[in-house]
Amino acid sequence: MATEKKDWIDKLQTFDRRWVFLAMAIAIVIPFLFPLNFPIKASPMVKAVYDTIEELEQDDVVFLSLDLDPASLPELEPFYKAVLLQLKQKRVKLVVATTWYAAPPLLERWMRETVEANFVPDDAKVEKDLPDRASVKGKKAKSKEGRYVKNVDYVWLGFREGKEAVISGMGKSVHGTFDGHAADGTPLKDIPWLKDRKQLKDFKLLVLISAGFPGVKEYVQQVQARYKLRMVAACTAVSTTDLTPYFQTGQLLGLAGGMTAAAEYESLVGRRGSATQGADVLNVGHMVVILAILFGNLIYFAGRWRDRRGRVA
């Protein structure tokens, strides 16, 4: 008995879905191997973070709260590197702390690799490309000028347990919350530019990078309105919806949520990094998903059209 010849619709309906999986794998791998650098336009919330930091002047003191853990690195580390580059270019002083117990080992590595060192290695051949504190009134910067020195250009306070209580305590007294000492035991009163900055309101700006609780929301609830603090924040994508109202009310001066926002910030700072690559992967991956949806609908409606035509005949 001869088998019935399949038409093009039958062939599409028996399409092997593994080809879709292969297309998605290619969409993920290709942008990592060959960066596509799609145009990126910063959203108003992300641009507001950038503009707020651009208003800082040399030797302003900024409080940087890094409340995260290793699981949140893909989304938050790219923003951290981009905003730190901008802060170093503004030549501000930094005070760094965390309310997450899992953060200190990670943050200490970050400070060694990005605060105490240049983003571009010392042996970079093109000196004008050195990004850290590279603008030095009329002369070319040397690579070592990009490095921050502990307890001279920045202070690492470390971790304190207590969640909201710690945040509220810092609003009253940063020195008291950390027993008057930096993480390495240096008395805060011995650091000239920090000895008179005892409360959060004494800092020019708070930069919050948060993966969840406690984090941005608790800073807003516990200290922002009480002390009229200037704050900008970055968070994971899933937290953006909860925190956006704080930007709309002016309690946050800017907000960057997720990897896409980090890619936008990299474009503003002028140094593309892993977030831009990640955004390329997301863009290409989304195109594959959209094409797969369109292809599936084409098969479905073609089948219905054939069945309807068969009934009419």
C-alpha atoms as a PDB file:
ATOM      1  CA  MET A   1       0.000   0.000   0.000  1.00  0.00           C
ATOM      2  CA  ALA A   2       1.492   3.305  -1.101  1.00  0.00           C
ATOM      3  CA  THR A   3       2.084   5.884   1.552  1.00  0.00           C
ATOM      4  CA  GLU A   4       0.332   9.210   1.170  1.00  0.00           C
ATOM      5  CA  LYS A   5       2.637  11.959   0.049  1.00  0.00           C
ATOM      6  CA  LYS A   6       3.100  14.672   2.687  1.00  0.00           C
ATOM      7  CA  ASP A   7       2.554  18.272   1.683  1.00  0.00           C
ATOM      8  CA  TRP A   8       4.594  21.208   3.037  1.00  0.00           C
ATOM      9  CA  ILE A   9       2.244  21.723   5.964  1.00  0.00           C
ATOM     10  CA  ASP A  10       2.686  18.128   7.127  1.00  0.00           C
ATOM     11  CA  LYS A  11       6.451  18.544   6.899  1.00  0.00           C
ATOM     12  CA  LEU A  12       6.330  21.702   8.992  1.00  0.00           C
ATOM     13  CA  GLN A  13       4.128  20.021  11.602  1.00  0.00           C
ATOM     14  CA  THR A  14       6.726  17.269  12.025  1.00  0.00           C
ATOM     15  CA  PHE A  15       9.566  19.794  12.293  1.00  0.00           C
ATOM     16  CA  ASP A  16      12.224  18.570  14.745  1.00  0.00           C
ATOM     17  CA  ARG A  17      12.194  20.968  17.694  1.00  0.00           C
ATOM     18  CA  ARG A  18      15.848  20.245  18.379  1.00  0.00           C
ATOM     19  CA  TRP A  19      16.666  22.703  15.604  1.00  0.00           C
ATOM     20  CA  VAL A  20      15.109  25.437  17.746  1.00  0.00           C
ATOM     21  CA  PHE A  21      17.324  24.431  20.664  1.00  0.00           C
ATOM     22  CA  LEU A  22      20.356  24.543  18.370  1.00  0.00           C
ATOM     23  CA  ALA A  23      19.387  28.011  17.133  1.00  0.00           C
ATOM     24  CA  MET A  24      19.099  29.234  20.722  1.00  0.00           C
ATOM     25  CA  ALA A  25      22.508  27.762  21.592  1.00  0.00           C
ATOM     26  CA  ILE A  26      24.066  29.571  18.628  1.00  0.00           C
ATOM     27  CA  ALA A  27      22.296  32.794  19.649  1.00  0.00           C
ATOM     28  CA  ILE A  28      23.888  32.542  23.089  1.00  0.00           C
ATOM     29  CA  VAL A  29      27.405  31.556  22.007  1.00  0.00           C
ATOM     30  CA  ILE A  30      27.963  33.852  19.009  1.00  0.00           C
ATOM     31  CA  PRO A  31      27.619  37.210  20.863  1.00  0.00           C
ATOM     32  CA  PHE A  32      30.163  36.030  23.442  1.00  0.00           C
ATOM     33  CA  LEU A  33      32.683  35.039  20.768  1.00  0.00           C
ATOM     34  CA  PHE A  34      31.979  37.968  18.429  1.00  0.00           C
ATOM     35  CA  PRO A  35      30.516  40.987  20.301  1.00  0.00           C
ATOM     36  CA  LEU A  36      27.754  42.568  18.254  1.00  0.00           C
ATOM     37  CA  ASN A  37      27.645  45.880  20.154  1.00  0.00           C
ATOM     38  CA  PHE A  38      24.040  46.718  19.349  1.00  0.00           C
ATOM     39  CA  PRO A  39      23.147  50.390  19.917  1.00  0.00           C
ATOM     40  CA  ILE A  40      22.108  51.043  23.522  1.00  0.00           C
ATOM     41  CA  LYS A  41      19.983  53.947  24.714  1.00  0.00           C
ATOM     42  CA  ALA A  42      19.902  54.645  28.435  1.00  0.00           C
ATOM     43  CA  SER A  43      16.519  54.838  30.143  1.00  0.00           C
ATOM     44  CA  PRO A  44      15.650  57.955  32.207  1.00  0.00           C
ATOM     45  CA  MET A  45      16.175  56.121  35.523  1.00  0.00           C
ATOM     46  CA  VAL A  46      19.656  54.926  34.520  1.00  0.00           C
ATOM     47  CA  LYS A  47      20.599  58.310  33.041  1.00  0.00           C
ATOM     48  CA  ALA A  48      19.546  59.898  36.325  1.00  0.00           C
ATOM     49  CA  VAL A  49      22.091  57.745  38.220  1.00  0.00           C
ATOM     50  CA  TYR A  50      24.834  58.811  35.830  1.00  0.00           C
ATOM     51  CA  ASP A  51      23.923  62.507  35.958  1.00  0.00           C
ATOM     52  CA  THR A  52      23.767  62.503  39.761  1.00  0.00           C
ATOM     53  CA  ILE A  53      27.276  61.059  40.029  1.00  0.00           C
ATOM     54  CA  GLU A  54      28.563  63.462  37.384  1.00  0.00           C
ATOM     55  CA  GLU A  55      27.584  66.315  39.718  1.00  0.00           C
ATOM     56  CA  LEU A  56      30.139  65.138  42.296  1.00  0.00           C
ATOM     57  CA  GLU A  57      33.356  67.083  42.727  1.00  0.00           C
ATOM     58  CA  GLN A  58      36.876  65.985  43.569  1.00  0.00           C
ATOM     59  CA  ASP A  59      37.288  64.886  47.222  1.00  0.00           C
ATOM     60  CA  ASP A  60      33.542  64.611  47.862  1.00  0.00           C
ATOM     61  CA  VAL A  61      32.900  61.642  50.161  1.00  0.00           C
ATOM     62  CA  VAL A  62      30.547  58.922  48.895  1.00  0.00           C
ATOM     63  CA  PHE A  63      29.076  56.070  50.943  1.00  0.00           C
ATOM     64  CA  LEU A  64      28.956  52.836  48.931  1.00  0.00           C
ATOM     65  CA  SER A  65      26.771  50.040  50.335  1.00  0.00           C
ATOM     66  CA  LEU A  66      27.281  46.685  48.588  1.00  0.00           C
ATOM     67  CA  ASP A  67      24.550  44.338  49.799  1.00  0.00           C
ATOM     68  CA  LEU A  68      24.864  41.239  47.649  1.00  0.00           C
ATOM     69  CA  ASP A  69      26.230  37.705  47.382  1.00  0.00           C
ATOM     70  CA  PRO A  70      27.941  35.587  44.690  1.00  0.00           C
ATOM     71  CA  ALA A  71      24.598  34.461  43.222  1.00  0.00           C
ATOM     72  CA  SER A  72      23.806  38.033  42.139  1.00  0.00           C
ATOM     73  CA  LEU A  73      27.133  38.727  40.399  1.00  0.00           C
ATOM     74  CA  PRO A  74      25.972  38.373  36.764  1.00  0.00           C
ATOM     75  CA  GLU A  75      23.497  41.228  37.220  1.00  0.00           C
ATOM     76  CA  LEU A  76      25.258  43.495  39.709  1.00  0.00           C
ATOM     77  CA  GLU A  77      29.000  43.175  39.138  1.00  0.00           C
ATOM     78  CA  PRO A  78      28.917  44.909  35.711  1.00  0.00           C
ATOM     79  CA  PHE A  79      27.118  47.906  37.215  1.00  0.00           C
ATOM     80  CA  TYR A  80      29.520  47.978  40.159  1.00  0.00           C
ATOM     81  CA  LYS A  81      32.518  48.141  37.811  1.00  0.00           C
ATOM     82  CA  ALA A  82      30.941  50.838  35.636  1.00  0.00           C
ATOM     83  CA  VAL A  83      29.882  53.067  38.523  1.00  0.00           C
ATOM     84  CA  LEU A  84      33.204  52.565  40.338  1.00  0.00           C
ATOM     85  CA  LEU A  85      35.056  53.660  37.220  1.00  0.00           C
ATOM     86  CA  GLN A  86      32.945  56.814  37.123  1.00  0.00           C
ATOM     87  CA  LEU A  87      33.512  57.479  40.835  1.00  0.00           C
ATOM     88  CA  LYS A  88      37.274  57.054  40.445  1.00  0.00           C
ATOM     89  CA  GLN A  89      37.282  59.372  37.462  1.00  0.00           C
ATOM     90  CA  LYS A  90      35.524  61.973  39.620  1.00  0.00           C
ATOM     91  CA  ARG A  91      38.330  61.465  42.175  1.00  0.00           C
ATOM     92  CA  VAL A  92      35.980  61.162  45.140  1.00  0.00           C
ATOM     93  CA  LYS A  93      36.650  59.496  48.489  1.00  0.00           C
ATOM     94  CA  LEU A  94      34.839  56.218  49.161  1.00  0.00           C
ATOM     95  CA  VAL A  95      33.481  54.567  52.292  1.00  0.00           C
ATOM     96  CA  VAL A  96      32.403  50.974  51.621  1.00  0.00           C
ATOM     97  CA  ALA A  97      30.216  48.773  53.850  1.00  0.00           C
ATOM     98  CA  THR A  98      27.811  45.826  53.634  1.00  0.00           C
ATOM     99  CA  THR A  99      24.893  44.394  55.614  1.00  0.00           C
ATOM    100  CA  TRP A 100      25.185  40.914  54.033  1.00  0.00           C
ATOM    101  CA  TYR A 101      27.248  38.298  55.855  1.00  0.00           C
ATOM    102  CA  ALA A 102      28.205  36.519  52.597  1.00  0.00           C
ATOM    103  CA  ALA A 103      29.593  39.666  50.985  1.00  0.00           C
ATOM    104  CA  PRO A 104      32.973  40.442  52.665  1.00  0.00           C
ATOM    105  CA  PRO A 105      35.173  37.835  50.898  1.00  0.00           C
ATOM    106  CA  LEU A 106      33.754  38.885  47.547  1.00  0.00           C
ATOM    107  CA  LEU A 107      34.019  42.620  48.260  1.00  0.00           C
ATOM    108  CA  GLU A 108      37.578  42.372  49.525  1.00  0.00           C
ATOM    109  CA  ARG A 109      38.537  40.758  46.218  1.00  0.00           C
ATOM    110  CA  TRP A 110      36.691  43.470  44.316  1.00  0.00           C
ATOM    111  CA  MET A 111      38.555  46.193  46.179  1.00  0.00           C
ATOM    112  CA  ARG A 112      41.909  44.578  45.485  1.00  0.00           C
ATOM    113  CA  GLU A 113      41.122  44.184  41.792  1.00  0.00           C
ATOM    114  CA  THR A 114      39.203  47.395  41.012  1.00  0.00           C
ATOM    115  CA  VAL A 115      39.726  49.949  43.779  1.00  0.00           C
ATOM    116  CA  GLU A 116      43.383  49.422  44.669  1.00  0.00           C
ATOM    117  CA  ALA A 117      44.268  48.582  41.061  1.00  0.00           C
ATOM    118  CA  ASN A 118      43.521  50.040  37.645  1.00  0.00           C
ATOM    119  CA  PHE A 119      40.837  48.625  35.397  1.00  0.00           C
ATOM    120  CA  VAL A 120      43.508  48.634  32.692  1.00  0.00           C
ATOM    121  CA  PRO A 121      46.733  46.780  33.666  1.00  0.00           C
ATOM    122  CA  ASP A 122      49.912  48.745  34.359  1.00  0.00           C
ATOM    123  CA  ASP A 123      51.548  47.291  31.248  1.00  0.00           C
ATOM    124  CA  ALA A 124      48.871  48.674  28.913  1.00  0.00           C
ATOM    125  CA  LYS A 125      50.606  49.965  25.799  1.00  0.00           C
ATOM    126  CA  VAL A 126      48.294  52.925  25.150  1.00  0.00           C
ATOM    127  CA  GLU A 127      48.577  55.206  28.149  1.00  0.00           C
ATOM    128  CA  LYS A 128      45.753  57.522  27.110  1.00  0.00           C
ATOM    129  CA  ASP A 129      43.364  54.565  27.436  1.00  0.00           C
ATOM    130  CA  LEU A 130      43.995  54.227  31.169  1.00  0.00           C
ATOM    131  CA  PRO A 131      40.557  54.995  32.597  1.00  0.00           C
ATOM    132  CA  ASP A 132      41.088  55.459  36.328  1.00  0.00           C
ATOM    133  CA  ARG A 133      41.491  59.096  37.447  1.00  0.00           C
ATOM    134  CA  ALA A 134      43.004  59.669  34.015  1.00  0.00           C
ATOM    135  CA  SER A 135      42.296  63.409  33.780  1.00  0.00           C
ATOM    136  CA  VAL A 136      45.054  65.343  35.538  1.00  0.00           C
ATOM    137  CA  LYS A 137      44.960  69.032  34.607  1.00  0.00           C
ATOM    138  CA  GLY A 138      47.116  69.494  31.573  1.00  0.00           C
ATOM    139  CA  LYS A 139      49.311  66.432  31.817  1.00  0.00           C
ATOM    140  CA  LYS A 140      49.049  62.807  30.886  1.00  0.00           C
ATOM    141  CA  ALA A 141      48.111  60.522  33.737  1.00  0.00           C
ATOM    142  CA  LYS A 142      50.365  57.735  34.923  1.00  0.00           C
ATOM    143  CA  SER A 143      48.838  54.335  35.527  1.00  0.00           C
ATOM    144  CA  LYS A 144      49.522  54.373  39.268  1.00  0.00           C
ATOM    145  CA  GLU A 145      47.336  57.472  39.633  1.00  0.00           C
ATOM    146  CA  GLY A 146      44.300  55.293  39.109  1.00  0.00           C
ATOM    147  CA  ARG A 147      44.863  53.281  42.254  1.00  0.00           C
ATOM    148  CA  TYR A 148      43.092  54.060  45.504  1.00  0.00           C
ATOM    149  CA  VAL A 149      45.002  53.586  48.758  1.00  0.00           C
ATOM    150  CA  LYS A 150      43.219  52.044  51.745  1.00  0.00           C
ATOM    151  CA  ASN A 151      42.462  54.568  54.503  1.00  0.00           C
ATOM    152  CA  VAL A 152      43.770  57.347  52.267  1.00  0.00           C
ATOM    153  CA  ASP A 153      41.384  57.348  49.287  1.00  0.00           C
ATOM    154  CA  TYR A 154      38.875  54.786  50.521  1.00  0.00           C
ATOM    155  CA  VAL A 155      37.807  53.079  53.739  1.00  0.00           C
ATOM    156  CA  TRP A 156      36.447  49.539  54.028  1.00  0.00           C
ATOM    157  CA  LEU A 157      34.177  49.318  57.068  1.00  0.00           C
ATOM    158  CA  GLY A 158      33.255  45.687  56.590  1.00  0.00           C
ATOM    159  CA  PHE A 159      30.099  43.841  57.696  1.00  0.00           C
ATOM    160  CA  ARG A 160      27.746  44.385  60.598  1.00  0.00           C
ATOM    161  CA  GLU A 161      24.894  42.003  61.470  1.00  0.00           C
ATOM    162  CA  GLY A 162      21.519  43.504  62.289  1.00  0.00           C
ATOM    163  CA  LYS A 163      19.836  44.224  58.953  1.00  0.00           C
ATOM    164  CA  GLU A 164      17.433  47.192  59.339  1.00  0.00           C
ATOM    165  CA  ALA A 165      18.827  47.971  62.790  1.00  0.00           C
ATOM    166  CA  VAL A 166      22.305  48.436  61.304  1.00  0.00           C
ATOM    167  CA  ILE A 167      20.980  50.720  58.569  1.00  0.00           C
ATOM    168  CA  SER A 168      19.048  52.763  61.128  1.00  0.00           C
ATOM    169  CA  GLY A 169      22.137  52.851  63.344  1.00  0.00           C
ATOM    170  CA  MET A 170      24.307  54.209  60.531  1.00  0.00           C
ATOM    171  CA  GLY A 171      21.782  56.982  60.057  1.00  0.00           C
ATOM    172  CA  LYS A 172      22.489  58.054  63.641  1.00  0.00           C
ATOM    173  CA  SER A 173      26.208  57.215  63.769  1.00  0.00           C
ATOM    174  CA  VAL A 174      28.371  55.401  61.238  1.00  0.00           C
ATOM    175  CA  HIS A 175      31.277  55.552  63.676  1.00  0.00           C
ATOM    176  CA  GLY A 176      29.215  54.080  66.484  1.00  0.00           C
ATOM    177  CA  THR A 177      27.785  51.288  64.337  1.00  0.00           C
ATOM    178  CA  PHE A 178      31.293  50.123  63.383  1.00  0.00           C
ATOM    179  CA  ASP A 179      32.806  50.735  66.850  1.00  0.00           C
ATOM    180  CA  GLY A 180      34.854  53.646  65.536  1.00  0.00           C
ATOM    181  CA  HIS A 181      37.135  51.403  63.461  1.00  0.00           C
ATOM    182  CA  ALA A 182      37.589  50.336  59.847  1.00  0.00           C
ATOM    183  CA  ALA A 183      37.629  46.622  59.053  1.00  0.00           C
ATOM    184  CA  ASP A 184      41.419  46.511  59.424  1.00  0.00           C
ATOM    185  CA  GLY A 185      41.265  48.145  62.865  1.00  0.00           C
ATOM    186  CA  THR A 186      42.242  51.675  61.830  1.00  0.00           C
ATOM    187  CA  PRO A 187      40.462  54.258  64.053  1.00  0.00           C
ATOM    188  CA  LEU A 188      38.061  56.296  61.921  1.00  0.00           C
ATOM    189  CA  LYS A 189      38.993  59.449  63.832  1.00  0.00           C
ATOM    190  CA  ASP A 190      42.546  59.068  62.470  1.00  0.00           C
ATOM    191  CA  ILE A 191      41.333  59.424  58.858  1.00  0.00           C
ATOM    192  CA  PRO A 192      41.207  63.211  58.304  1.00  0.00           C
ATOM    193  CA  TRP A 193      38.396  63.332  55.766  1.00  0.00           C
ATOM    194  CA  LEU A 194      36.226  60.867  57.716  1.00  0.00           C
ATOM    195  CA  LYS A 195      36.610  61.905  61.340  1.00  0.00           C
ATOM    196  CA  ASP A 196      33.885  64.574  61.052  1.00  0.00           C
ATOM    197  CA  ARG A 197      31.557  62.484  58.884  1.00  0.00           C
ATOM    198  CA  LYS A 198      29.798  60.513  61.544  1.00  0.00           C
ATOM    199  CA  GLN A 199      26.258  60.166  60.130  1.00  0.00           C
ATOM    200  CA  LEU A 200      24.947  59.145  56.715  1.00  0.00           C
ATOM    201  CA  LYS A 201      23.680  62.691  56.167  1.00  0.00           C
ATOM    202  CA  ASP A 202      27.295  63.894  56.262  1.00  0.00           C
ATOM    203  CA  PHE A 203      28.072  62.063  53.002  1.00  0.00           C
ATOM    204  CA  LYS A 204      27.588  63.789  49.662  1.00  0.00           C
ATOM    205  CA  LEU A 205      25.846  60.772  48.131  1.00  0.00           C
ATOM    206  CA  LEU A 206      24.872  57.190  48.941  1.00  0.00           C
ATOM    207  CA  VAL A 207      25.364  54.615  46.176  1.00  0.00           C
ATOM    208  CA  LEU A 208      23.462  51.418  46.959  1.00  0.00           C
ATOM    209  CA  ILE A 209      23.980  48.148  45.075  1.00  0.00           C
ATOM    210  CA  SER A 210      21.501  45.612  46.376  1.00  0.00           C
ATOM    211  CA  ALA A 211      20.477  42.025  45.613  1.00  0.00           C
ATOM    212  CA  GLY A 212      17.532  41.960  48.014  1.00  0.00           C
ATOM    213  CA  PHE A 213      16.899  42.155  51.749  1.00  0.00           C
ATOM    214  CA  PRO A 214      18.289  44.135  53.442  1.00  0.00           C
ATOM    215  CA  GLY A 215      19.068  46.643  50.750  1.00  0.00           C
ATOM    216  CA  VAL A 216      17.699  49.612  48.875  1.00  0.00           C
ATOM    217  CA  LYS A 217      14.156  49.371  50.245  1.00  0.00           C
ATOM    218  CA  GLU A 218      15.393  49.290  53.838  1.00  0.00           C
ATOM    219  CA  TYR A 219      17.676  52.292  53.274  1.00  0.00           C
ATOM    220  CA  VAL A 220      14.704  54.234  51.927  1.00  0.00           C
ATOM    221  CA  GLN A 221      12.404  53.143  54.747  1.00  0.00           C
ATOM    222  CA  GLN A 222      14.860  53.528  57.621  1.00  0.00           C
ATOM    223  CA  VAL A 223      16.993  56.566  56.838  1.00  0.00           C
ATOM    224  CA  GLN A 224      16.235  58.355  53.562  1.00  0.00           C
ATOM    225  CA  ALA A 225      13.233  60.452  54.597  1.00  0.00           C
ATOM    226  CA  ARG A 226      14.405  60.836  58.193  1.00  0.00           C
ATOM    227  CA  TYR A 227      17.739  62.393  57.212  1.00  0.00           C
ATOM    228  CA  LYS A 228      16.876  63.663  53.685  1.00  0.00           C
ATOM    229  CA  LEU A 229      19.648  61.611  52.100  1.00  0.00           C
ATOM    230  CA  ARG A 230      20.717  61.769  48.466  1.00  0.00           C
ATOM    231  CA  MET A 231      20.712  58.186  47.157  1.00  0.00           C
ATOM    232  CA  VAL A 232      21.057  56.329  43.860  1.00  0.00           C
ATOM    233  CA  ALA A 233      20.699  52.579  43.567  1.00  0.00           C
ATOM    234  CA  ALA A 234      21.201  49.469  41.469  1.00  0.00           C
ATOM    235  CA  CYS A 235      19.282  46.235  41.978  1.00  0.00           C
ATOM    236  CA  THR A 236      18.475  42.929  40.319  1.00  0.00           C
ATOM    237  CA  ALA A 237      15.866  42.961  37.565  1.00  0.00           C
ATOM    238  CA  VAL A 238      13.255  41.236  39.723  1.00  0.00           C
ATOM    239  CA  SER A 239      13.433  44.052  42.304  1.00  0.00           C
ATOM    240  CA  THR A 240      13.055  46.906  39.814  1.00  0.00           C
ATOM    241  CA  THR A 241       9.266  47.000  39.922  1.00  0.00           C
ATOM    242  CA  ASP A 242       9.219  47.280  43.721  1.00  0.00           C
ATOM    243  CA  LEU A 243      11.804  50.068  43.784  1.00  0.00           C
ATOM    244  CA  THR A 244      10.642  52.185  40.831  1.00  0.00           C
ATOM    245  CA  PRO A 245       8.051  54.095  42.939  1.00  0.00           C
ATOM    246  CA  TYR A 246      10.921  55.394  45.103  1.00  0.00           C
ATOM    247  CA  PHE A 247      12.442  56.966  41.985  1.00  0.00           C
ATOM    248  CA  GLN A 248       9.108  58.447  40.974  1.00  0.00           C
ATOM    249  CA  THR A 249       8.706  60.060  44.400  1.00  0.00           C
ATOM    250  CA  GLY A 250      12.268  61.407  44.381  1.00  0.00           C
ATOM    251  CA  GLN A 251      13.467  59.295  47.284  1.00  0.00           C
ATOM    252  CA  LEU A 252      15.914  57.668  44.876  1.00  0.00           C
ATOM    253  CA  LEU A 253      17.653  60.074  42.520  1.00  0.00           C
ATOM    254  CA  GLY A 254      18.269  57.256  40.039  1.00  0.00           C
ATOM    255  CA  LEU A 255      17.779  53.512  39.681  1.00  0.00           C
ATOM    256  CA  ALA A 256      19.467  50.857  37.532  1.00  0.00           C
ATOM    257  CA  GLY A 257      17.730  47.472  37.498  1.00  0.00           C
ATOM    258  CA  GLY A 258      19.276  44.304  36.097  1.00  0.00           C
ATOM    259  CA  MET A 259      21.799  43.484  33.397  1.00  0.00           C
ATOM    260  CA  THR A 260      20.109  45.600  30.723  1.00  0.00           C
ATOM    261  CA  ALA A 261      20.415  48.695  32.912  1.00  0.00           C
ATOM    262  CA  ALA A 262      24.049  47.818  33.611  1.00  0.00           C
ATOM    263  CA  ALA A 263      24.670  47.689  29.856  1.00  0.00           C
ATOM    264  CA  GLU A 264      23.050  51.112  29.521  1.00  0.00           C
ATOM    265  CA  TYR A 265      25.335  52.407  32.254  1.00  0.00           C
ATOM    266  CA  GLU A 266      28.404  50.970  30.545  1.00  0.00           C
ATOM    267  CA  SER A 267      27.448  52.897  27.411  1.00  0.00           C
ATOM    268  CA  LEU A 268      27.154  56.122  29.427  1.00  0.00           C
ATOM    269  CA  VAL A 269      30.505  55.613  31.161  1.00  0.00           C
ATOM    270  CA  GLY A 270      32.097  54.734  27.828  1.00  0.00           C
ATOM    271  CA  ARG A 271      33.581  51.367  28.719  1.00  0.00           C
ATOM    272  CA  ARG A 272      31.739  48.303  27.453  1.00  0.00           C
ATOM    273  CA  GLY A 273      31.906  45.214  29.627  1.00  0.00           C
ATOM    274  CA  SER A 274      30.152  41.960  30.428  1.00  0.00           C
ATOM    275  CA  ALA A 275      26.722  43.613  30.703  1.00  0.00           C
ATOM    276  CA  THR A 276      26.938  44.781  27.098  1.00  0.00           C
ATOM    277  CA  GLN A 277      27.822  41.248  26.010  1.00  0.00           C
ATOM    278  CA  GLY A 278      24.966  39.929  28.131  1.00  0.00           C
ATOM    279  CA  ALA A 279      22.583  42.418  26.533  1.00  0.00           C
ATOM    280  CA  ASP A 280      23.673  41.197  23.089  1.00  0.00           C
ATOM    281  CA  VAL A 281      22.891  37.622  24.162  1.00  0.00           C
ATOM    282  CA  LEU A 282      19.477  38.690  25.460  1.00  0.00           C
ATOM    283  CA  ASN A 283      18.672  40.606  22.272  1.00  0.00           C
ATOM    284  CA  VAL A 284      19.647  37.767  19.942  1.00  0.00           C
ATOM    285  CA  GLY A 285      17.995  35.173  22.191  1.00  0.00           C
ATOM    286  CA  HIS A 286      14.769  37.158  22.238  1.00  0.00           C
ATOM    287  CA  MET A 287      14.833  37.363  18.438  1.00  0.00           C
ATOM    288  CA  VAL A 288      15.127  33.572  18.262  1.00  0.00           C
ATOM    289  CA  VAL A 289      12.178  33.203  20.657  1.00  0.00           C
ATOM    290  CA  ILE A 290      10.072  35.650  18.621  1.00  0.00           C
ATOM    291  CA  LEU A 291      10.895  33.849  15.371  1.00  0.00           C
ATOM    292  CA  ALA A 292      10.042  30.504  16.985  1.00  0.00           C
ATOM    293  CA  ILE A 293       6.667  31.871  18.099  1.00  0.00           C
ATOM    294  CA  LEU A 294       5.964  33.235  14.626  1.00  0.00           C
ATOM    295  CA  PHE A 295       7.019  29.931  13.076  1.00  0.00           C
ATOM    296  CA  GLY A 296       4.759  27.961  15.426  1.00  0.00           C
ATOM    297  CA  ASN A 297       1.794  30.193  14.619  1.00  0.00           C
ATOM    298  CA  LEU A 298       2.486  29.853  10.899  1.00  0.00           C
ATOM    299  CA  ILE A 299       2.303  26.070  11.216  1.00  0.00           C
ATOM    300  CA  TYR A 300      -0.888  26.237  13.298  1.00  0.00           C
ATOM    301  CA  PHE A 301      -2.798  28.608  11.025  1.00  0.00           C
ATOM    302  CA  ALA A 302      -1.569  26.845   7.875  1.00  0.00           C
ATOM    303  CA  GLY A 303      -2.998  23.600   9.274  1.00  0.00           C
ATOM    304  CA  ARG A 304      -6.334  25.251  10.053  1.00  0.00           C
ATOM    305  CA  TRP A 305      -6.457  26.791   6.579  1.00  0.00           C
ATOM    306  CA  ARG A 306      -5.836  23.378   4.985  1.00  0.00           C
ATOM    307  CA  ASP A 307      -8.515  21.699   7.124  1.00  0.00           C
ATOM    308  CA  ARG A 308     -11.054  24.407   6.350  1.00  0.00           C
ATOM    309  CA  ARG A 309     -10.321  24.159   2.625  1.00  0.00           C
ATOM    310  CA  GLY A 310     -10.723  20.363   2.816  1.00  0.00           C
ATOM    311  CA  ARG A 311     -14.150  20.633   4.461  1.00  0.00           C
ATOM    312  CA  VAL A 312     -15.333  23.139   1.841  1.00  0.00           C
ATOM    313  CA  ALA A 313     -14.159  20.830  -0.952  1.00  0.00           C
END
